[in-house]
Protein backbone atom coordinates (compact mmCIF):
# COMPACT_ATOMS: atom_id res chain seq x y z
CA MET A 1 -1.85 -8.02 -6.67
CA ASP A 2 -0.63 -5.92 -3.74
CA GLU A 3 -0.96 -2.14 -3.32
CA ARG A 4 2.40 -1.34 -4.89
CA GLY A 5 1.79 -3.55 -7.91
CA ARG A 6 -1.65 -2.03 -8.46
CA ARG A 7 -0.21 1.52 -8.31
CA GLN A 8 2.57 0.71 -10.73
CA TRP A 9 0.28 -1.15 -13.15
CA ALA A 10 -2.19 1.76 -13.18
CA ALA A 11 0.65 4.24 -13.76
CA ALA A 12 2.02 2.18 -16.65
CA GLU A 13 -1.43 2.03 -18.25
CA ALA A 14 -1.91 5.78 -17.80
CA ARG A 15 1.50 6.47 -19.35
CA GLU A 16 0.57 4.34 -22.39
CA LEU A 17 -2.65 6.32 -22.88
CA GLY A 18 -0.78 9.63 -22.87
CA TRP A 19 -2.58 12.92 -22.22
CA GLY A 20 -5.62 12.33 -20.01
CA GLY A 21 -4.46 8.83 -19.18
CA VAL A 22 -4.39 9.34 -15.43
CA THR A 23 -8.01 10.50 -15.41
CA ALA A 24 -9.11 7.67 -17.71
CA VAL A 25 -7.38 5.00 -15.61
CA ALA A 26 -8.69 6.54 -12.38
CA ARG A 27 -12.27 6.39 -13.69
CA ALA A 28 -11.88 2.86 -15.06
CA THR A 29 -10.24 1.36 -11.96
CA GLY A 30 -11.65 3.44 -9.12
CA LEU A 31 -8.13 4.32 -7.95
CA SER A 32 -7.48 7.93 -7.02
CA ARG A 33 -5.40 10.20 -9.23
CA THR A 34 -2.90 10.67 -6.39
CA THR A 35 -2.45 6.90 -6.13
CA ILE A 36 -1.67 6.68 -9.83
CA THR A 37 0.71 9.65 -9.55
CA ALA A 38 2.50 7.84 -6.71
CA GLY A 39 2.86 4.89 -9.07
CA PHE A 40 4.52 7.20 -11.62
CA ARG A 41 7.08 8.26 -9.01
CA GLU A 42 7.78 4.63 -8.14
CA LEU A 43 8.25 3.71 -11.81
CA GLU A 44 10.74 6.56 -12.27
CA LEU A 45 13.09 5.10 -9.63
CA PRO A 46 16.17 3.23 -10.89
CA ALA A 47 15.54 -0.51 -11.28
CA GLY A 48 17.87 -1.41 -8.38
CA GLN A 49 16.20 0.94 -5.95
CA ARG A 50 12.74 -0.14 -7.12
CA ALA A 51 13.68 -3.78 -6.44
CA ILE A 52 14.85 -2.94 -2.92
CA GLU A 53 11.72 -0.94 -2.15
CA GLY A 54 9.59 -3.60 -3.82
CA MET A 55 10.32 -5.95 -0.95
CA ARG A 56 7.98 -3.85 1.18
CA VAL A 57 4.38 -3.09 0.31
CA ARG A 58 4.13 -0.12 2.65
CA ARG A 59 6.64 2.37 3.91
CA PRO A 60 8.40 1.56 7.18
CA GLY A 61 6.08 2.50 10.02
CA GLY A 62 2.98 2.24 7.83
CA GLY A 63 -0.08 0.41 9.06
CA ARG A 64 -1.69 0.02 12.43
CA LYS A 65 0.40 -0.33 15.58
CA ALA A 66 0.03 -3.45 17.70
CA LEU A 67 -2.52 -3.18 20.50
CA ALA A 68 0.13 -4.10 23.07
CA GLU A 69 2.11 -1.02 21.98
CA THR A 70 -0.80 1.41 21.94
CA ASP A 71 -2.53 0.25 25.13
CA PRO A 72 -0.07 -1.00 27.76
CA ALA A 73 -3.01 -1.65 30.11
CA ARG A 74 -3.75 -4.75 28.01
CA PRO A 75 -0.71 -7.00 28.48
CA TRP A 76 -2.70 -10.00 27.22
CA ALA A 77 -2.86 -8.45 23.73
CA LYS A 78 0.69 -9.59 22.98
CA THR A 79 -0.16 -13.16 24.01
CA PHE A 80 -3.09 -13.57 21.63
CA ARG A 81 -1.72 -11.65 18.67
CA GLY A 82 -2.58 -13.27 15.36
CA ASN A 83 -4.95 -15.83 16.83
CA SER A 84 -8.41 -15.03 15.47
CA ARG A 85 -10.05 -17.29 18.07
CA TYR A 86 -9.17 -14.77 20.76
CA THR A 87 -9.81 -11.50 18.97
CA MET A 88 -12.03 -8.98 20.67
CA SER A 89 -14.67 -7.53 18.36
CA GLY A 90 -16.04 -4.04 18.77
């Protein structure tokens, strides 16, 4: 289950529980209350818009930038991207 699915599932469970549901689901799952609230907002979108946004797990621009973009002094980073054999560890 990806991040979006987990948020929406937790929000649906909290909605079923009614008053205090967000807190109960947050305690049971370890998800934050704000994550569950974000799931509520996603569930309130029209089905068509939810389907379009469901194609992405994160918002556009979310996540870490590629090393080649953040450090132009390392031109080799683009060459070895995605190849774990050549990754540089800490």
